[in-house]
PDB file of N, CA and C in Angstrom:
ATOM      1  N   MET A   1     -15.596   1.243  12.920  1.00  0.00           N
ATOM      2  CA  MET A   1     -14.759   0.701  11.874  1.00  0.00           C
ATOM      3  C   MET A   1     -13.679  -0.177  12.511  1.00  0.00           C
ATOM      4  N   SER A   2     -13.386  -1.272  11.898  1.00  0.00           N
ATOM      5  CA  SER A   2     -12.403  -2.206  12.406  1.00  0.00           C
ATOM      6  C   SER A   2     -10.994  -1.648  12.207  1.00  0.00           C
ATOM      7  N   ASP A   3     -10.125  -1.894  13.177  1.00  0.00           N
ATOM      8  CA  ASP A   3      -8.741  -1.455  13.070  1.00  0.00           C
ATOM      9  C   ASP A   3      -7.848  -2.546  12.492  1.00  0.00           C
ATOM     10  N   SER A   4      -8.432  -3.630  12.018  1.00  0.00           N
ATOM     11  CA  SER A   4      -7.626  -4.711  11.466  1.00  0.00           C
ATOM     12  C   SER A   4      -7.410  -4.493   9.972  1.00  0.00           C
ATOM     13  N   PHE A   5      -6.205  -4.713   9.544  1.00  0.00           N
ATOM     14  CA  PHE A   5      -5.834  -4.574   8.148  1.00  0.00           C
ATOM     15  C   PHE A   5      -5.496  -5.952   7.602  1.00  0.00           C
ATOM     16  N   PRO A   6      -5.702  -6.162   6.317  1.00  0.00           N
ATOM     17  CA  PRO A   6      -5.286  -7.441   5.740  1.00  0.00           C
ATOM     18  C   PRO A   6      -3.762  -7.534   5.769  1.00  0.00           C
ATOM     19  N   ASP A   7      -3.242  -8.758   5.843  1.00  0.00           N
ATOM     20  CA  ASP A   7      -1.798  -8.957   5.861  1.00  0.00           C
ATOM     21  C   ASP A   7      -1.167  -8.448   4.571  1.00  0.00           C
ATOM     22  N   ARG A   8      -1.903  -8.565   3.469  1.00  0.00           N
ATOM     23  CA  ARG A   8      -1.374  -8.154   2.174  1.00  0.00           C
ATOM     24  C   ARG A   8      -2.467  -7.419   1.400  1.00  0.00           C
ATOM     25  N   LEU A   9      -2.107  -6.312   0.764  1.00  0.00           N
ATOM     26  CA  LEU A   9      -3.064  -5.514   0.018  1.00  0.00           C
ATOM     27  C   LEU A   9      -2.370  -4.918  -1.203  1.00  0.00           C
ATOM     28  N   CYS A  10      -3.098  -4.876  -2.328  1.00  0.00           N
ATOM     29  CA  CYS A  10      -2.557  -4.362  -3.582  1.00  0.00           C
ATOM     30  C   CYS A  10      -3.557  -3.389  -4.204  1.00  0.00           C
ATOM     31  N   VAL A  11      -3.056  -2.372  -4.911  1.00  0.00           N
ATOM     32  CA  VAL A  11      -3.938  -1.398  -5.554  1.00  0.00           C
ATOM     33  C   VAL A  11      -4.299  -1.794  -6.985  1.00  0.00           C
ATOM     34  N   ASN A  12      -3.704  -2.838  -7.512  1.00  0.00           N
ATOM     35  CA  ASN A  12      -3.967  -3.302  -8.873  1.00  0.00           C
ATOM     36  C   ASN A  12      -5.207  -4.206  -8.883  1.00  0.00           C
ATOM     37  N   PRO A  13      -6.272  -3.846  -9.621  1.00  0.00           N
ATOM     38  CA  PRO A  13      -7.495  -4.655  -9.645  1.00  0.00           C
ATOM     39  C   PRO A  13      -7.300  -6.081 -10.164  1.00  0.00           C
ATOM     40  N   ALA A  14      -6.241  -6.344 -10.896  1.00  0.00           N
ATOM     41  CA  ALA A  14      -5.981  -7.686 -11.409  1.00  0.00           C
ATOM     42  C   ALA A  14      -5.364  -8.610 -10.356  1.00  0.00           C
ATOM     43  N   SER A  15      -4.945  -8.070  -9.241  1.00  0.00           N
ATOM     44  CA  SER A  15      -4.299  -8.854  -8.188  1.00  0.00           C
ATOM     45  C   SER A  15      -5.332  -9.558  -7.306  1.00  0.00           C
ATOM     46  N   PRO A  16      -5.022 -10.761  -6.815  1.00  0.00           N
ATOM     47  CA  PRO A  16      -5.933 -11.436  -5.886  1.00  0.00           C
ATOM     48  C   PRO A  16      -5.975 -10.745  -4.509  1.00  0.00           C
ATOM     49  N   TYR A  17      -5.045  -9.832  -4.249  1.00  0.00           N
ATOM     50  CA  TYR A  17      -4.983  -9.121  -2.968  1.00  0.00           C
ATOM     51  C   TYR A  17      -5.635  -7.738  -3.035  1.00  0.00           C
ATOM     52  N   TYR A  18      -6.365  -7.458  -4.086  1.00  0.00           N
ATOM     53  CA  TYR A  18      -7.051  -6.182  -4.279  1.00  0.00           C
ATOM     54  C   TYR A  18      -8.355  -6.171  -3.479  1.00  0.00           C
ATOM     55  N   ASP A  19      -8.638  -5.059  -2.773  1.00  0.00           N
ATOM     56  CA  ASP A  19      -9.879  -4.903  -2.015  1.00  0.00           C
ATOM     57  C   ASP A  19     -10.355  -3.454  -2.182  1.00  0.00           C
ATOM     58  N   ALA A  20     -11.297  -3.250  -3.110  1.00  0.00           N
ATOM     59  CA  ALA A  20     -11.765  -1.901  -3.439  1.00  0.00           C
ATOM     60  C   ALA A  20     -12.419  -1.208  -2.246  1.00  0.00           C
ATOM     61  N   ASP A  21     -13.198  -1.937  -1.453  1.00  0.00           N
ATOM     62  CA  ASP A  21     -13.885  -1.332  -0.307  1.00  0.00           C
ATOM     63  C   ASP A  21     -12.885  -0.800   0.715  1.00  0.00           C
ATOM     64  N   LEU A  22     -11.859  -1.566   0.988  1.00  0.00           N
ATOM     65  CA  LEU A  22     -10.858  -1.154   1.966  1.00  0.00           C
ATOM     66  C   LEU A  22     -10.031   0.021   1.428  1.00  0.00           C
ATOM     67  N   LEU A  23      -9.686  -0.012   0.165  1.00  0.00           N
ATOM     68  CA  LEU A  23      -8.913   1.088  -0.422  1.00  0.00           C
ATOM     69  C   LEU A  23      -9.709   2.384  -0.454  1.00  0.00           C
ATOM     70  N   ALA A  24     -11.034   2.282  -0.613  1.00  0.00           N
ATOM     71  CA  ALA A  24     -11.891   3.469  -0.634  1.00  0.00           C
ATOM     72  C   ALA A  24     -11.923   4.170   0.731  1.00  0.00           C
ATOM     73  N   LYS A  25     -11.623   3.442   1.793  1.00  0.00           N
ATOM     74  CA  LYS A  25     -11.598   4.040   3.140  1.00  0.00           C
ATOM     75  C   LYS A  25     -10.375   4.925   3.342  1.00  0.00           C
ATOM     76  N   GLY A  26      -9.376   4.786   2.491  1.00  0.00           N
ATOM     77  CA  GLY A  26      -8.179   5.620   2.590  1.00  0.00           C
ATOM     78  C   GLY A  26      -7.138   5.030   3.506  1.00  0.00           C
ATOM     79  N   ILE A  27      -6.313   4.150   2.992  1.00  0.00           N
ATOM     80  CA  ILE A  27      -5.258   3.518   3.783  1.00  0.00           C
ATOM     81  C   ILE A  27      -3.935   4.191   3.477  1.00  0.00           C
ATOM     82  N   GLY A  28      -3.200   4.523   4.516  1.00  0.00           N
ATOM     83  CA  GLY A  28      -1.852   5.060   4.379  1.00  0.00           C
ATOM     84  C   GLY A  28      -0.858   4.020   4.861  1.00  0.00           C
ATOM     85  N   ILE A  29       0.386   4.158   4.441  1.00  0.00           N
ATOM     86  CA  ILE A  29       1.434   3.212   4.823  1.00  0.00           C
ATOM     87  C   ILE A  29       2.629   3.977   5.372  1.00  0.00           C
ATOM     88  N   ARG A  30       3.072   3.541   6.545  1.00  0.00           N
ATOM     89  CA  ARG A  30       4.342   4.020   7.089  1.00  0.00           C
ATOM     90  C   ARG A  30       5.345   2.892   6.886  1.00  0.00           C
ATOM     91  N   PHE A  31       6.431   3.210   6.193  1.00  0.00           N
ATOM     92  CA  PHE A  31       7.481   2.231   5.938  1.00  0.00           C
ATOM     93  C   PHE A  31       8.762   2.752   6.551  1.00  0.00           C
ATOM     94  N   LYS A  32       9.305   2.009   7.495  1.00  0.00           N
ATOM     95  CA  LYS A  32      10.495   2.412   8.250  1.00  0.00           C
ATOM     96  C   LYS A  32      10.275   3.770   8.921  1.00  0.00           C
ATOM     97  N   GLY A  33       9.053   3.994   9.414  1.00  0.00           N
ATOM     98  CA  GLY A  33       8.740   5.213  10.133  1.00  0.00           C
ATOM     99  C   GLY A  33       8.412   6.419   9.269  1.00  0.00           C
ATOM    100  N   GLU A  34       8.450   6.273   7.965  1.00  0.00           N
ATOM    101  CA  GLU A  34       8.180   7.391   7.046  1.00  0.00           C
ATOM    102  C   GLU A  34       6.932   7.084   6.223  1.00  0.00           C
ATOM    103  N   GLU A  35       6.031   8.059   6.121  1.00  0.00           N
ATOM    104  CA  GLU A  35       4.809   7.858   5.344  1.00  0.00           C
ATOM    105  C   GLU A  35       5.125   7.849   3.856  1.00  0.00           C
ATOM    106  N   LYS A  36       4.643   6.816   3.164  1.00  0.00           N
ATOM    107  CA  LYS A  36       4.869   6.671   1.722  1.00  0.00           C
ATOM    108  C   LYS A  36       3.556   6.856   0.976  1.00  0.00           C
ATOM    109  N   THR A  37       3.606   7.544  -0.159  1.00  0.00           N
ATOM    110  CA  THR A  37       2.401   7.792  -0.944  1.00  0.00           C
ATOM    111  C   THR A  37       2.390   7.019  -2.256  1.00  0.00           C
ATOM    112  N   ASN A  38       3.475   6.323  -2.587  1.00  0.00           N
ATOM    113  CA  ASN A  38       3.572   5.613  -3.858  1.00  0.00           C
ATOM    114  C   ASN A  38       3.593   4.094  -3.693  1.00  0.00           C
ATOM    115  N   VAL A  39       2.937   3.575  -2.656  1.00  0.00           N
ATOM    116  CA  VAL A  39       2.913   2.137  -2.383  1.00  0.00           C
ATOM    117  C   VAL A  39       1.900   1.459  -3.305  1.00  0.00           C
ATOM    118  N   GLU A  40       2.345   0.458  -4.040  1.00  0.00           N
ATOM    119  CA  GLU A  40       1.478  -0.325  -4.920  1.00  0.00           C
ATOM    120  C   GLU A  40       0.963  -1.572  -4.210  1.00  0.00           C
ATOM    121  N   GLU A  41       1.770  -2.148  -3.321  1.00  0.00           N
ATOM    122  CA  GLU A  41       1.406  -3.373  -2.612  1.00  0.00           C
ATOM    123  C   GLU A  41       2.233  -3.455  -1.337  1.00  0.00           C
ATOM    124  N   TYR A  42       1.665  -4.098  -0.302  1.00  0.00           N
ATOM    125  CA  TYR A  42       2.425  -4.309   0.930  1.00  0.00           C
ATOM    126  C   TYR A  42       2.108  -5.669   1.520  1.00  0.00           C
ATOM    127  N   CYS A  43       3.004  -6.152   2.375  1.00  0.00           N
ATOM    128  CA  CYS A  43       2.797  -7.379   3.133  1.00  0.00           C
ATOM    129  C   CYS A  43       3.361  -7.144   4.530  1.00  0.00           C
ATOM    130  N   ILE A  44       2.500  -7.192   5.526  1.00  0.00           N
ATOM    131  CA  ILE A  44       2.910  -6.911   6.902  1.00  0.00           C
ATOM    132  C   ILE A  44       3.762  -8.043   7.463  1.00  0.00           C
ATOM    133  N   SER A  45       3.316  -9.301   7.315  1.00  0.00           N
ATOM    134  CA  SER A  45       4.008 -10.435   7.927  1.00  0.00           C
ATOM    135  C   SER A  45       5.402 -10.660   7.348  1.00  0.00           C
ATOM    136  N   GLU A  46       5.567 -10.427   6.057  1.00  0.00           N
ATOM    137  CA  GLU A  46       6.878 -10.621   5.430  1.00  0.00           C
ATOM    138  C   GLU A  46       7.726  -9.353   5.493  1.00  0.00           C
ATOM    139  N   GLY A  47       7.112  -8.210   5.814  1.00  0.00           N
ATOM    140  CA  GLY A  47       7.844  -6.957   5.990  1.00  0.00           C
ATOM    141  C   GLY A  47       8.395  -6.368   4.709  1.00  0.00           C
ATOM    142  N   TRP A  48       7.535  -6.141   3.727  1.00  0.00           N
ATOM    143  CA  TRP A  48       7.973  -5.512   2.482  1.00  0.00           C
ATOM    144  C   TRP A  48       6.877  -4.657   1.878  1.00  0.00           C
ATOM    145  N   VAL A  49       7.302  -3.740   1.017  1.00  0.00           N
ATOM    146  CA  VAL A  49       6.396  -2.913   0.226  1.00  0.00           C
ATOM    147  C   VAL A  49       6.906  -2.890  -1.201  1.00  0.00           C
ATOM    148  N   ARG A  50       5.992  -2.696  -2.142  1.00  0.00           N
ATOM    149  CA  ARG A  50       6.357  -2.450  -3.544  1.00  0.00           C
ATOM    150  C   ARG A  50       6.013  -0.995  -3.827  1.00  0.00           C
ATOM    151  N   LEU A  51       7.020  -0.225  -4.207  1.00  0.00           N
ATOM    152  CA  LEU A  51       6.845   1.197  -4.481  1.00  0.00           C
ATOM    153  C   LEU A  51       6.945   1.460  -5.974  1.00  0.00           C
ATOM    154  N   ALA A  52       6.082   2.331  -6.475  1.00  0.00           N
ATOM    155  CA  ALA A  52       6.133   2.730  -7.881  1.00  0.00           C
ATOM    156  C   ALA A  52       7.409   3.534  -8.121  1.00  0.00           C
ATOM    157  N   VAL A  53       8.056   3.275  -9.259  1.00  0.00           N
ATOM    158  CA  VAL A  53       9.296   3.961  -9.609  1.00  0.00           C
ATOM    159  C   VAL A  53       8.980   4.996 -10.680  1.00  0.00           C
ATOM    160  N   GLY A  54       8.835   6.233 -10.273  1.00  0.00           N
ATOM    161  CA  GLY A  54       8.549   7.306 -11.211  1.00  0.00           C
ATOM    162  C   GLY A  54       7.228   7.098 -11.940  1.00  0.00           C
ATOM    163  N   LYS A  55       7.195   7.539 -13.196  1.00  0.00           N
ATOM    164  CA  LYS A  55       5.982   7.392 -14.001  1.00  0.00           C
ATOM    165  C   LYS A  55       6.128   6.285 -15.040  1.00  0.00           C
ATOM    166  N   ALA A  56       7.181   5.493 -14.941  1.00  0.00           N
ATOM    167  CA  ALA A  56       7.440   4.432 -15.901  1.00  0.00           C
ATOM    168  C   ALA A  56       6.402   3.320 -15.763  1.00  0.00           C
ATOM    169  N   VAL A  57       5.999   2.758 -16.915  1.00  0.00           N
ATOM    170  CA  VAL A  57       5.047   1.652 -16.925  1.00  0.00           C
ATOM    171  C   VAL A  57       5.581   0.534 -17.815  1.00  0.00           C
ATOM    172  N   ASP A  58       5.095  -0.685 -17.557  1.00  0.00           N
ATOM    173  CA  ASP A  58       5.479  -1.807 -18.406  1.00  0.00           C
ATOM    174  C   ASP A  58       4.586  -1.850 -19.637  1.00  0.00           C
ATOM    175  N   ARG A  59       4.741  -2.862 -20.463  1.00  0.00           N
ATOM    176  CA  ARG A  59       3.998  -2.928 -21.720  1.00  0.00           C
ATOM    177  C   ARG A  59       2.509  -3.151 -21.534  1.00  0.00           C
ATOM    178  N   LYS A  60       2.092  -3.562 -20.328  1.00  0.00           N
ATOM    179  CA  LYS A  60       0.672  -3.753 -20.031  1.00  0.00           C
ATOM    180  C   LYS A  60       0.058  -2.545 -19.332  1.00  0.00           C
ATOM    181  N   GLY A  61       0.855  -1.505 -19.097  1.00  0.00           N
ATOM    182  CA  GLY A  61       0.360  -0.285 -18.480  1.00  0.00           C
ATOM    183  C   GLY A  61       0.453  -0.261 -16.966  1.00  0.00           C
ATOM    184  N   ASN A  62       1.073  -1.279 -16.361  1.00  0.00           N
ATOM    185  CA  ASN A  62       1.246  -1.318 -14.909  1.00  0.00           C
ATOM    186  C   ASN A  62       2.500  -0.553 -14.515  1.00  0.00           C
ATOM    187  N   ALA A  63       2.464   0.084 -13.366  1.00  0.00           N
ATOM    188  CA  ALA A  63       3.614   0.844 -12.885  1.00  0.00           C
ATOM    189  C   ALA A  63       4.792  -0.088 -12.615  1.00  0.00           C
ATOM    190  N   LEU A  64       5.997   0.367 -12.948  1.00  0.00           N
ATOM    191  CA  LEU A  64       7.198  -0.380 -12.594  1.00  0.00           C
ATOM    192  C   LEU A  64       7.432  -0.178 -11.104  1.00  0.00           C
ATOM    193  N   THR A  65       7.786  -1.241 -10.411  1.00  0.00           N
ATOM    194  CA  THR A  65       7.921  -1.168  -8.963  1.00  0.00           C
ATOM    195  C   THR A  65       9.262  -1.709  -8.495  1.00  0.00           C
ATOM    196  N   ILE A  66       9.594  -1.335  -7.262  1.00  0.00           N
ATOM    197  CA  ILE A  66      10.769  -1.856  -6.587  1.00  0.00           C
ATOM    198  C   ILE A  66      10.299  -2.391  -5.244  1.00  0.00           C
ATOM    199  N   LYS A  67      10.833  -3.535  -4.834  1.00  0.00           N
ATOM    200  CA  LYS A  67      10.440  -4.170  -3.574  1.00  0.00           C
ATOM    201  C   LYS A  67      11.482  -3.841  -2.517  1.00  0.00           C
ATOM    202  N   LEU A  68      11.017  -3.253  -1.398  1.00  0.00           N
ATOM    203  CA  LEU A  68      11.904  -2.887  -0.296  1.00  0.00           C
ATOM    204  C   LEU A  68      11.491  -3.635   0.969  1.00  0.00           C
ATOM    205  N   GLN A  69      12.476  -4.070   1.748  1.00  0.00           N
ATOM    206  CA  GLN A  69      12.243  -4.798   2.995  1.00  0.00           C
ATOM    207  C   GLN A  69      12.300  -3.843   4.185  1.00  0.00           C
ATOM    208  N   GLY A  70      11.430  -4.073   5.163  1.00  0.00           N
ATOM    209  CA  GLY A  70      11.432  -3.269   6.380  1.00  0.00           C
ATOM    210  C   GLY A  70      10.088  -3.320   7.077  1.00  0.00           C
ATOM    211  N   PRO A  71       9.973  -2.674   8.221  1.00  0.00           N
ATOM    212  CA  PRO A  71       8.703  -2.680   8.963  1.00  0.00           C
ATOM    213  C   PRO A  71       7.614  -1.889   8.239  1.00  0.00           C
ATOM    214  N   VAL A  72       6.422  -2.481   8.155  1.00  0.00           N
ATOM    215  CA  VAL A  72       5.284  -1.886   7.458  1.00  0.00           C
ATOM    216  C   VAL A  72       4.176  -1.613   8.469  1.00  0.00           C
ATOM    217  N   GLU A  73       3.655  -0.379   8.496  1.00  0.00           N
ATOM    218  CA  GLU A  73       2.588   0.005   9.416  1.00  0.00           C
ATOM    219  C   GLU A  73       1.448   0.659   8.635  1.00  0.00           C
ATOM    220  N   PRO A  74       0.361  -0.066   8.375  1.00  0.00           N
ATOM    221  CA  PRO A  74      -0.786   0.566   7.714  1.00  0.00           C
ATOM    222  C   PRO A  74      -1.621   1.367   8.709  1.00  0.00           C
ATOM    223  N   PHE A  75      -2.313   2.392   8.220  1.00  0.00           N
ATOM    224  CA  PHE A  75      -3.201   3.193   9.059  1.00  0.00           C
ATOM    225  C   PHE A  75      -4.286   3.790   8.182  1.00  0.00           C
ATOM    226  N   PHE A  76      -5.397   4.179   8.806  1.00  0.00           N
ATOM    227  CA  PHE A  76      -6.471   4.864   8.081  1.00  0.00           C
ATOM    228  C   PHE A  76      -6.110   6.337   8.023  1.00  0.00           C
ATOM    229  N   GLN A  77      -6.087   6.923   6.838  1.00  0.00           N
ATOM    230  CA  GLN A  77      -5.652   8.303   6.670  1.00  0.00           C
ATOM    231  C   GLN A  77      -6.552   9.310   7.353  1.00  0.00           C
ATOM    232  N   HIS A  78      -7.855   9.091   7.369  1.00  0.00           N
ATOM    233  CA  HIS A  78      -8.762  10.078   7.961  1.00  0.00           C
ATOM    234  C   HIS A  78      -8.559  10.200   9.460  1.00  0.00           C
ATOM    235  N   GLU A  79      -7.989   9.191  10.118  1.00  0.00           N
ATOM    236  CA  GLU A  79      -7.731   9.280  11.550  1.00  0.00           C
ATOM    237  C   GLU A  79      -6.583  10.214  11.846  1.00  0.00           C
ATOM    238  N   GLU A  80      -5.684  10.419  10.883  1.00  0.00           N
ATOM    239  CA  GLU A  80      -4.532  11.294  11.066  1.00  0.00           C
ATOM    240  C   GLU A  80      -4.918  12.762  10.978  1.00  0.00           C
ATOM    241  N   ASP A  81      -5.981  13.093  10.249  1.00  0.00           N
ATOM    242  CA  ASP A  81      -6.397  14.486  10.081  1.00  0.00           C
ATOM    243  C   ASP A  81      -7.001  15.021  11.373  1.00  0.00           C
ATOM    244  N   PRO A  82      -6.591  16.230  11.796  1.00  0.00           N
ATOM    245  CA  PRO A  82      -7.198  16.806  12.993  1.00  0.00           C
ATOM    246  C   PRO A  82      -8.654  17.195  12.735  1.00  0.00           C
ATOM    247  N   ALA A  83      -9.508  16.966  13.713  1.00  0.00           N
ATOM    248  CA  ALA A  83     -10.956  17.236  13.546  1.00  0.00           C
ATOM    249  C   ALA A  83     -11.300  18.671  13.865  1.00  0.00           C
TER     250      ALA A  83
END
């Protein structure tokens, strides 16, 4: 399996940065050294993540998000689990 991640990835199927095959492999995100589980979108080169804010949704049913700046480190989740 390749260790390369796309520069930008989104979990929303309507986004041009959505990649179902890559998301099915189980990608985790470390933001500022802390693992985040509520990431909706990230960009490595620009150094930001969009995090879901609670269970609130907009009128189209998409999660409300907040954009935070900082170092972004994607990883494959199954590699973190001990064998």
